[in-house]
């Protein structure tokens, strides 16, 4: 069962209570007996472990994005093919 934190709106007394999810929220302060208790919400730490949780986990090795303007300007001229590497012939 989770632990909930409360604070009184009048006397500002803190309170921690272990409650079930189905229990109603507390409203009466045990210190000053005022109907001013409110839940205190904090950040929840969530850790995703394993593959498939990140944007780059589901991508392939190539990008499916459209080429940018700078890419199209440079790719419109054909690139020179590299010269083939010469292989020394073996004499027997």
PDB file of N, CA and C in Angstrom:
ATOM      1  N   UNK A   1       0.846  -1.184   0.000  1.00  0.00           N
ATOM      2  CA  UNK A   1       0.000   0.000   0.000  1.00  0.00           C
ATOM      3  C   UNK A   1       0.887   1.241   0.000  1.00  0.00           C
ATOM      4  N   UNK A   2       0.488   2.263  -0.726  1.00  0.00           N
ATOM      5  CA  UNK A   2       1.307   3.473  -0.821  1.00  0.00           C
ATOM      6  C   UNK A   2       1.185   4.360   0.418  1.00  0.00           C
ATOM      7  N   UNK A   3       2.210   5.166   0.612  1.00  0.00           N
ATOM      8  CA  UNK A   3       2.222   6.155   1.686  1.00  0.00           C
ATOM      9  C   UNK A   3       1.899   7.511   1.083  1.00  0.00           C
ATOM     10  N   UNK A   4       0.904   8.192   1.632  1.00  0.00           N
ATOM     11  CA  UNK A   4       0.505   9.507   1.151  1.00  0.00           C
ATOM     12  C   UNK A   4       0.939  10.566   2.145  1.00  0.00           C
ATOM     13  N   UNK A   5       1.315  11.712   1.642  1.00  0.00           N
ATOM     14  CA  UNK A   5       1.692  12.835   2.486  1.00  0.00           C
ATOM     15  C   UNK A   5       0.586  13.873   2.432  1.00  0.00           C
ATOM     16  N   UNK A   6       0.248  14.400   3.596  1.00  0.00           N
ATOM     17  CA  UNK A   6      -0.760  15.435   3.731  1.00  0.00           C
ATOM     18  C   UNK A   6      -0.148  16.615   4.471  1.00  0.00           C
ATOM     19  N   UNK A   7      -0.743  17.775   4.308  1.00  0.00           N
ATOM     20  CA  UNK A   7      -0.380  18.956   5.079  1.00  0.00           C
ATOM     21  C   UNK A   7      -1.662  19.712   5.405  1.00  0.00           C
ATOM     22  N   UNK A   8      -1.726  20.248   6.626  1.00  0.00           N
ATOM     23  CA  UNK A   8      -2.908  20.988   7.053  1.00  0.00           C
ATOM     24  C   UNK A   8      -2.831  22.416   6.510  1.00  0.00           C
ATOM     25  N   UNK A   9      -3.927  22.907   6.025  1.00  0.00           N
ATOM     26  CA  UNK A   9      -3.986  24.265   5.501  1.00  0.00           C
ATOM     27  C   UNK A   9      -4.009  25.330   6.584  1.00  0.00           C
ATOM     28  N   UNK A  10      -4.343  24.962   7.818  1.00  0.00           N
ATOM     29  CA  UNK A  10      -4.402  25.947   8.900  1.00  0.00           C
ATOM     30  C   UNK A  10      -3.146  25.927   9.756  1.00  0.00           C
ATOM     31  N   UNK A  11      -2.815  24.787  10.325  1.00  0.00           N
ATOM     32  CA  UNK A  11      -1.662  24.725  11.232  1.00  0.00           C
ATOM     33  C   UNK A  11      -0.390  24.263  10.529  1.00  0.00           C
ATOM     34  N   UNK A  12      -0.476  23.877   9.260  1.00  0.00           N
ATOM     35  CA  UNK A  12       0.634  23.426   8.422  1.00  0.00           C
ATOM     36  C   UNK A  12       1.368  22.221   8.997  1.00  0.00           C
ATOM     37  N   UNK A  13       0.655  21.390   9.740  1.00  0.00           N
ATOM     38  CA  UNK A  13       1.239  20.161  10.301  1.00  0.00           C
ATOM     39  C   UNK A  13       1.352  19.108   9.205  1.00  0.00           C
ATOM     40  N   UNK A  14       2.541  18.486   9.052  1.00  0.00           N
ATOM     41  CA  UNK A  14       2.686  17.421   8.055  1.00  0.00           C
ATOM     42  C   UNK A  14       2.159  16.104   8.597  1.00  0.00           C
ATOM     43  N   UNK A  15       1.711  15.239   7.688  1.00  0.00           N
ATOM     44  CA  UNK A  15       1.157  13.949   8.087  1.00  0.00           C
ATOM     45  C   UNK A  15       1.441  12.948   6.983  1.00  0.00           C
ATOM     46  N   UNK A  16       1.904  11.760   7.346  1.00  0.00           N
ATOM     47  CA  UNK A  16       2.103  10.664   6.405  1.00  0.00           C
ATOM     48  C   UNK A  16       1.194   9.518   6.812  1.00  0.00           C
ATOM     49  N   UNK A  17       0.440   8.988   5.851  1.00  0.00           N
ATOM     50  CA  UNK A  17      -0.523   7.934   6.128  1.00  0.00           C
ATOM     51  C   UNK A  17      -0.388   6.848   5.070  1.00  0.00           C
ATOM     52  N   UNK A  18      -0.385   5.590   5.517  1.00  0.00           N
ATOM     53  CA  UNK A  18      -0.397   4.457   4.597  1.00  0.00           C
ATOM     54  C   UNK A  18      -1.856   4.133   4.313  1.00  0.00           C
ATOM     55  N   UNK A  19      -2.247   4.279   3.043  1.00  0.00           N
ATOM     56  CA  UNK A  19      -3.640   4.061   2.636  1.00  0.00           C
ATOM     57  C   UNK A  19      -3.690   3.195   1.394  1.00  0.00           C
ATOM     58  N   UNK A  20      -4.826   2.553   1.205  1.00  0.00           N
ATOM     59  CA  UNK A  20      -5.079   1.791  -0.008  1.00  0.00           C
ATOM     60  C   UNK A  20      -5.472   2.766  -1.119  1.00  0.00           C
ATOM     61  N   UNK A  21      -5.375   2.323  -2.352  1.00  0.00           N
ATOM     62  CA  UNK A  21      -5.790   3.160  -3.477  1.00  0.00           C
ATOM     63  C   UNK A  21      -7.275   3.474  -3.414  1.00  0.00           C
ATOM     64  N   UNK A  22      -8.041   2.559  -2.883  1.00  0.00           N
ATOM     65  CA  UNK A  22      -9.494   2.736  -2.863  1.00  0.00           C
ATOM     66  C   UNK A  22      -9.985   3.553  -1.663  1.00  0.00           C
ATOM     67  N   UNK A  23      -9.110   3.853  -0.693  1.00  0.00           N
ATOM     68  CA  UNK A  23      -9.524   4.656   0.466  1.00  0.00           C
ATOM     69  C   UNK A  23      -9.752   6.103   0.066  1.00  0.00           C
ATOM     70  N   UNK A  24     -10.700   6.740   0.738  1.00  0.00           N
ATOM     71  CA  UNK A  24     -10.949   8.161   0.503  1.00  0.00           C
ATOM     72  C   UNK A  24      -9.819   8.992   1.116  1.00  0.00           C
ATOM     73  N   UNK A  25      -9.572  10.167   0.546  1.00  0.00           N
ATOM     74  CA  UNK A  25      -8.540  11.063   1.074  1.00  0.00           C
ATOM     75  C   UNK A  25      -8.972  11.604   2.431  1.00  0.00           C
ATOM     76  N   UNK A  26      -7.999  11.798   3.313  1.00  0.00           N
ATOM     77  CA  UNK A  26      -8.288  12.348   4.632  1.00  0.00           C
ATOM     78  C   UNK A  26      -8.557  13.848   4.515  1.00  0.00           C
ATOM     79  N   UNK A  27      -9.432  14.369   5.377  1.00  0.00           N
ATOM     80  CA  UNK A  27      -9.744  15.800   5.350  1.00  0.00           C
ATOM     81  C   UNK A  27      -9.570  16.460   6.715  1.00  0.00           C
ATOM     82  N   UNK A  28      -9.594  15.689   7.801  1.00  0.00           N
ATOM     83  CA  UNK A  28      -9.523  16.262   9.145  1.00  0.00           C
ATOM     84  C   UNK A  28      -8.102  16.158   9.682  1.00  0.00           C
ATOM     85  N   UNK A  29      -7.552  17.280  10.123  1.00  0.00           N
ATOM     86  CA  UNK A  29      -6.211  17.325  10.672  1.00  0.00           C
ATOM     87  C   UNK A  29      -6.223  16.725  12.081  1.00  0.00           C
ATOM     88  N   UNK A  30      -5.310  15.793  12.385  1.00  0.00           N
ATOM     89  CA  UNK A  30      -5.276  15.211  13.727  1.00  0.00           C
ATOM     90  C   UNK A  30      -4.724  16.174  14.782  1.00  0.00           C
ATOM     91  N   UNK A  31      -4.034  17.225  14.383  1.00  0.00           N
ATOM     92  CA  UNK A  31      -3.451  18.191  15.320  1.00  0.00           C
ATOM     93  C   UNK A  31      -4.468  19.231  15.768  1.00  0.00           C
ATOM     94  N   UNK A  32      -5.040  19.957  14.793  1.00  0.00           N
ATOM     95  CA  UNK A  32      -5.938  21.066  15.138  1.00  0.00           C
ATOM     96  C   UNK A  32      -7.407  20.750  14.894  1.00  0.00           C
ATOM     97  N   UNK A  33      -7.715  19.560  14.381  1.00  0.00           N
ATOM     98  CA  UNK A  33      -9.082  19.088  14.106  1.00  0.00           C
ATOM     99  C   UNK A  33      -9.813  19.915  13.051  1.00  0.00           C
ATOM    100  N   UNK A  34      -9.086  20.675  12.247  1.00  0.00           N
ATOM    101  CA  UNK A  34      -9.709  21.472  11.180  1.00  0.00           C
ATOM    102  C   UNK A  34      -9.905  20.593   9.948  1.00  0.00           C
ATOM    103  N   UNK A  35     -10.881  20.941   9.135  1.00  0.00           N
ATOM    104  CA  UNK A  35     -11.159  20.226   7.874  1.00  0.00           C
ATOM    105  C   UNK A  35     -10.312  20.853   6.758  1.00  0.00           C
ATOM    106  N   UNK A  36      -9.004  20.811   6.918  1.00  0.00           N
ATOM    107  CA  UNK A  36      -8.137  21.521   5.976  1.00  0.00           C
ATOM    108  C   UNK A  36      -6.965  20.682   5.480  1.00  0.00           C
ATOM    109  N   UNK A  37      -7.038  19.348   5.579  1.00  0.00           N
ATOM    110  CA  UNK A  37      -5.950  18.516   5.083  1.00  0.00           C
ATOM    111  C   UNK A  37      -5.967  18.444   3.559  1.00  0.00           C
ATOM    112  N   UNK A  38      -4.786  18.535   2.964  1.00  0.00           N
ATOM    113  CA  UNK A  38      -4.652  18.414   1.515  1.00  0.00           C
ATOM    114  C   UNK A  38      -3.479  17.505   1.225  1.00  0.00           C
ATOM    115  N   UNK A  39      -3.609  16.704   0.163  1.00  0.00           N
ATOM    116  CA  UNK A  39      -2.521  15.823  -0.249  1.00  0.00           C
ATOM    117  C   UNK A  39      -1.381  16.647  -0.830  1.00  0.00           C
ATOM    118  N   UNK A  40      -0.175  16.192  -0.543  1.00  0.00           N
ATOM    119  CA  UNK A  40       1.023  16.806  -1.105  1.00  0.00           C
ATOM    120  C   UNK A  40       1.494  15.888  -2.226  1.00  0.00           C
ATOM    121  N   UNK A  41       1.596  16.444  -3.433  1.00  0.00           N
ATOM    122  CA  UNK A  41       2.023  15.657  -4.589  1.00  0.00           C
ATOM    123  C   UNK A  41       3.465  16.003  -4.925  1.00  0.00           C
ATOM    124  N   UNK A  42       4.271  15.002  -5.099  1.00  0.00           N
ATOM    125  CA  UNK A  42       5.672  15.186  -5.471  1.00  0.00           C
ATOM    126  C   UNK A  42       5.943  14.522  -6.792  1.00  0.00           C
ATOM    127  N   UNK A  43       7.159  14.682  -7.244  1.00  0.00           N
ATOM    128  CA  UNK A  43       7.530  14.047  -8.511  1.00  0.00           C
ATOM    129  C   UNK A  43       7.763  12.554  -8.289  1.00  0.00           C
ATOM    130  N   UNK A  44       7.452  11.794  -9.287  1.00  0.00           N
ATOM    131  CA  UNK A  44       7.594  10.341  -9.217  1.00  0.00           C
ATOM    132  C   UNK A  44       8.766   9.950 -10.097  1.00  0.00           C
ATOM    133  N   UNK A  45       9.678   9.190  -9.551  1.00  0.00           N
ATOM    134  CA  UNK A  45      10.820   8.734 -10.331  1.00  0.00           C
ATOM    135  C   UNK A  45      10.466   7.479 -11.094  1.00  0.00           C
ATOM    136  N   UNK A  46      10.565   7.547 -12.416  1.00  0.00           N
ATOM    137  CA  UNK A  46      10.274   6.396 -13.265  1.00  0.00           C
ATOM    138  C   UNK A  46      11.518   6.112 -14.092  1.00  0.00           C
ATOM    139  N   UNK A  47      11.930   4.868 -14.107  1.00  0.00           N
ATOM    140  CA  UNK A  47      13.099   4.458 -14.878  1.00  0.00           C
ATOM    141  C   UNK A  47      12.662   3.401 -15.877  1.00  0.00           C
ATOM    142  N   UNK A  48      12.922   3.664 -17.162  1.00  0.00           N
ATOM    143  CA  UNK A  48      12.606   2.710 -18.205  1.00  0.00           C
ATOM    144  C   UNK A  48      13.879   1.955 -18.549  1.00  0.00           C
ATOM    145  N   UNK A  49      13.885   0.646 -18.332  1.00  0.00           N
ATOM    146  CA  UNK A  49      15.074  -0.157 -18.605  1.00  0.00           C
ATOM    147  C   UNK A  49      14.809  -1.077 -19.785  1.00  0.00           C
ATOM    148  N   UNK A  50      15.838  -1.342 -20.535  1.00  0.00           N
ATOM    149  CA  UNK A  50      15.718  -2.226 -21.680  1.00  0.00           C
ATOM    150  C   UNK A  50      15.635  -1.445 -22.966  1.00  0.00           C
ATOM    151  N   UNK A  51      15.468  -2.154 -24.060  1.00  0.00           N
ATOM    152  CA  UNK A  51      15.410  -1.487 -25.360  1.00  0.00           C
ATOM    153  C   UNK A  51      13.968  -1.197 -25.735  1.00  0.00           C
ATOM    154  N   UNK A  52      13.789  -0.249 -26.630  1.00  0.00           N
ATOM    155  CA  UNK A  52      12.463   0.082 -27.135  1.00  0.00           C
ATOM    156  C   UNK A  52      11.817   1.275 -26.483  1.00  0.00           C
ATOM    157  N   UNK A  53      12.469   1.901 -25.511  1.00  0.00           N
ATOM    158  CA  UNK A  53      11.865   3.026 -24.814  1.00  0.00           C
ATOM    159  C   UNK A  53      12.322   4.371 -25.350  1.00  0.00           C
ATOM    160  N   UNK A  54      13.378   4.386 -26.113  1.00  0.00           N
ATOM    161  CA  UNK A  54      13.919   5.635 -26.590  1.00  0.00           C
ATOM    162  C   UNK A  54      13.651   5.796 -28.072  1.00  0.00           C
ATOM    163  N   UNK A  55      13.659   7.023 -28.544  1.00  0.00           N
ATOM    164  CA  UNK A  55      13.311   7.339 -29.921  1.00  0.00           C
ATOM    165  C   UNK A  55      14.254   6.640 -30.904  1.00  0.00           C
ATOM    166  N   UNK A  56      15.514   6.598 -30.576  1.00  0.00           N
ATOM    167  CA  UNK A  56      16.468   5.999 -31.506  1.00  0.00           C
ATOM    168  C   UNK A  56      16.484   4.480 -31.437  1.00  0.00           C
ATOM    169  N   UNK A  57      15.783   3.859 -30.506  1.00  0.00           N
ATOM    170  CA  UNK A  57      15.734   2.401 -30.438  1.00  0.00           C
ATOM    171  C   UNK A  57      14.884   1.794 -31.547  1.00  0.00           C
ATOM    172  N   UNK A  58      13.894   2.514 -32.035  1.00  0.00           N
ATOM    173  CA  UNK A  58      12.997   1.955 -33.031  1.00  0.00           C
ATOM    174  C   UNK A  58      13.398   2.322 -34.457  1.00  0.00           C
ATOM    175  N   UNK A  59      14.429   3.120 -34.613  1.00  0.00           N
ATOM    176  CA  UNK A  59      14.868   3.513 -35.945  1.00  0.00           C
ATOM    177  C   UNK A  59      15.807   2.475 -36.537  1.00  0.00           C
ATOM    178  N   UNK A  60      15.819   2.471 -37.856  1.00  0.00           N
ATOM    179  CA  UNK A  60      16.802   1.651 -38.552  1.00  0.00           C
ATOM    180  C   UNK A  60      18.116   2.406 -38.626  1.00  0.00           C
ATOM    181  N   UNK A  61      19.052   1.908 -39.417  1.00  0.00           N
ATOM    182  CA  UNK A  61      20.338   2.587 -39.518  1.00  0.00           C
ATOM    183  C   UNK A  61      20.280   3.779 -40.452  1.00  0.00           C
ATOM    184  N   UNK A  62      19.301   3.828 -41.358  1.00  0.00           N
ATOM    185  CA  UNK A  62      19.175   4.972 -42.249  1.00  0.00           C
ATOM    186  C   UNK A  62      18.064   5.872 -41.764  1.00  0.00           C
ATOM    187  N   UNK A  63      18.215   7.139 -42.049  1.00  0.00           N
ATOM    188  CA  UNK A  63      17.211   8.117 -41.628  1.00  0.00           C
ATOM    189  C   UNK A  63      16.140   8.223 -42.700  1.00  0.00           C
ATOM    190  N   UNK A  64      14.889   8.298 -42.288  1.00  0.00           N
ATOM    191  CA  UNK A  64      13.791   8.412 -43.249  1.00  0.00           C
ATOM    192  C   UNK A  64      13.378   9.863 -43.461  1.00  0.00           C
ATOM    193  N   UNK A  65      14.111  10.792 -42.882  1.00  0.00           N
ATOM    194  CA  UNK A  65      13.776  12.208 -43.012  1.00  0.00           C
ATOM    195  C   UNK A  65      14.119  12.685 -44.416  1.00  0.00           C
ATOM    196  N   UNK A  66      13.385  13.691 -44.893  1.00  0.00           N
ATOM    197  CA  UNK A  66      13.638  14.262 -46.205  1.00  0.00           C
ATOM    198  C   UNK A  66      14.960  15.020 -46.163  1.00  0.00           C
ATOM    199  N   UNK A  67      15.713  15.030 -47.256  1.00  0.00           N
ATOM    200  CA  UNK A  67      16.986  15.754 -47.256  1.00  0.00           C
ATOM    201  C   UNK A  67      16.750  17.251 -47.114  1.00  0.00           C
ATOM    202  N   UNK A  68      17.659  17.901 -46.435  1.00  0.00           N
ATOM    203  CA  UNK A  68      17.525  19.340 -46.236  1.00  0.00           C
ATOM    204  C   UNK A  68      17.959  20.073 -47.491  1.00  0.00           C
ATOM    205  N   UNK A  69      17.784  21.385 -47.520  1.00  0.00           N
ATOM    206  CA  UNK A  69      18.121  22.188 -48.691  1.00  0.00           C
ATOM    207  C   UNK A  69      19.615  22.131 -48.984  1.00  0.00           C
ATOM    208  N   UNK A  70      20.448  22.095 -47.952  1.00  0.00           N
ATOM    209  CA  UNK A  70      21.889  22.032 -48.182  1.00  0.00           C
ATOM    210  C   UNK A  70      22.292  20.684 -48.769  1.00  0.00           C
ATOM    211  N   UNK A  71      21.570  19.614 -48.413  1.00  0.00           N
ATOM    212  CA  UNK A  71      21.876  18.302 -48.966  1.00  0.00           C
ATOM    213  C   UNK A  71      21.506  18.218 -50.435  1.00  0.00           C
ATOM    214  N   UNK A  72      20.387  18.819 -50.835  1.00  0.00           N
ATOM    215  CA  UNK A  72      19.959  18.751 -52.226  1.00  0.00           C
ATOM    216  C   UNK A  72      20.849  19.599 -53.117  1.00  0.00           C
ATOM    217  N   UNK A  73      21.403  20.704 -52.598  1.00  0.00           N
ATOM    218  CA  UNK A  73      22.279  21.556 -53.399  1.00  0.00           C
ATOM    219  C   UNK A  73      23.591  20.845 -53.700  1.00  0.00           C
ATOM    220  N   UNK A  74      24.112  20.121 -52.758  1.00  0.00           N
ATOM    221  CA  UNK A  74      25.383  19.436 -52.978  1.00  0.00           C
ATOM    222  C   UNK A  74      25.203  18.121 -53.724  1.00  0.00           C
ATOM    223  N   UNK A  75      24.046  17.505 -53.621  1.00  0.00           N
ATOM    224  CA  UNK A  75      23.863  16.213 -54.265  1.00  0.00           C
ATOM    225  C   UNK A  75      23.385  16.338 -55.708  1.00  0.00           C
ATOM    226  N   UNK A  76      23.108  17.554 -56.191  1.00  0.00           N
ATOM    227  CA  UNK A  76      22.638  17.693 -57.565  1.00  0.00           C
ATOM    228  C   UNK A  76      23.779  17.539 -58.565  1.00  0.00           C
ATOM    229  N   UNK A  77      25.013  17.788 -58.139  1.00  0.00           N
ATOM    230  CA  UNK A  77      26.144  17.567 -59.030  1.00  0.00           C
ATOM    231  C   UNK A  77      26.685  16.175 -58.769  1.00  0.00           C
ATOM    232  N   UNK A  78      26.961  15.420 -59.829  1.00  0.00           N
ATOM    233  CA  UNK A  78      27.431  14.052 -59.607  1.00  0.00           C
ATOM    234  C   UNK A  78      28.822  14.057 -58.981  1.00  0.00           C
ATOM    235  N   UNK A  79      29.020  13.169 -58.079  1.00  0.00           N
ATOM    236  CA  UNK A  79      30.307  13.048 -57.409  1.00  0.00           C
ATOM    237  C   UNK A  79      31.243  12.216 -58.260  1.00  0.00           C
ATOM    238  N   UNK A  80      32.517  12.555 -58.195  1.00  0.00           N
ATOM    239  CA  UNK A  80      33.507  11.803 -58.957  1.00  0.00           C
ATOM    240  C   UNK A  80      33.698  10.448 -58.299  1.00  0.00           C
ATOM    241  N   UNK A  81      33.761   9.418 -59.116  1.00  0.00           N
ATOM    242  CA  UNK A  81      33.943   8.061 -58.595  1.00  0.00           C
ATOM    243  C   UNK A  81      35.403   7.899 -58.193  1.00  0.00           C
ATOM    244  N   UNK A  82      35.664   7.238 -57.087  1.00  0.00           N
ATOM    245  CA  UNK A  82      37.055   7.028 -56.691  1.00  0.00           C
ATOM    246  C   UNK A  82      37.763   6.094 -57.672  1.00  0.00           C
ATOM    247  N   UNK A  83      39.029   6.327 -57.835  1.00  0.00           N
ATOM    248  CA  UNK A  83      39.817   5.500 -58.765  1.00  0.00           C
ATOM    249  C   UNK A  83      39.961   4.097 -58.191  1.00  0.00           C
ATOM    250  N   UNK A  84      39.849   3.077 -59.039  1.00  0.00           N
ATOM    251  CA  UNK A  84      39.983   1.727 -58.522  1.00  0.00           C
ATOM    252  C   UNK A  84      41.398   1.477 -58.019  1.00  0.00           C
ATOM    253  N   UNK A  85      41.505   0.739 -56.979  1.00  0.00           N
ATOM    254  CA  UNK A  85      42.812   0.426 -56.415  1.00  0.00           C
ATOM    255  C   UNK A  85      43.527  -0.569 -57.320  1.00  0.00           C
ATOM    256  N   UNK A  86      44.782  -0.313 -57.588  1.00  0.00           N
ATOM    257  CA  UNK A  86      45.528  -1.242 -58.441  1.00  0.00           C
ATOM    258  C   UNK A  86      46.010  -2.417 -57.610  1.00  0.00           C
ATOM    259  N   UNK A  87      45.913  -3.567 -58.196  1.00  0.00           N
ATOM    260  CA  UNK A  87      46.318  -4.782 -57.509  1.00  0.00           C
ATOM    261  C   UNK A  87      47.615  -5.262 -58.137  1.00  0.00           C
ATOM    262  N   UNK A  88      48.627  -5.451 -57.341  1.00  0.00           N
ATOM    263  CA  UNK A  88      49.883  -5.936 -57.959  1.00  0.00           C
ATOM    264  C   UNK A  88      49.688  -7.358 -58.469  1.00  0.00           C
ATOM    265  N   UNK A  89      50.179  -7.597 -59.657  1.00  0.00           N
ATOM    266  CA  UNK A  89      50.050  -8.940 -60.220  1.00  0.00           C
ATOM    267  C   UNK A  89      51.156  -9.810 -59.655  1.00  0.00           C
ATOM    268  N   UNK A  90      50.788 -11.023 -59.390  1.00  0.00           N
ATOM    269  CA  UNK A  90      51.759 -11.948 -58.823  1.00  0.00           C
ATOM    270  C   UNK A  90      52.487 -12.667 -59.965  1.00  0.00           C
ATOM    271  N   UNK A  91      53.780 -12.625 -59.961  1.00  0.00           N
ATOM    272  CA  UNK A  91      54.575 -13.340 -60.972  1.00  0.00           C
ATOM    273  C   UNK A  91      55.033 -14.655 -60.358  1.00  0.00           C
ATOM    274  N   UNK A  92      54.867 -15.728 -61.110  1.00  0.00           N
ATOM    275  CA  UNK A  92      55.275 -17.021 -60.591  1.00  0.00           C
ATOM    276  C   UNK A  92      56.571 -17.469 -61.054  1.00  0.00           C
TER     277      UNK A  92
END
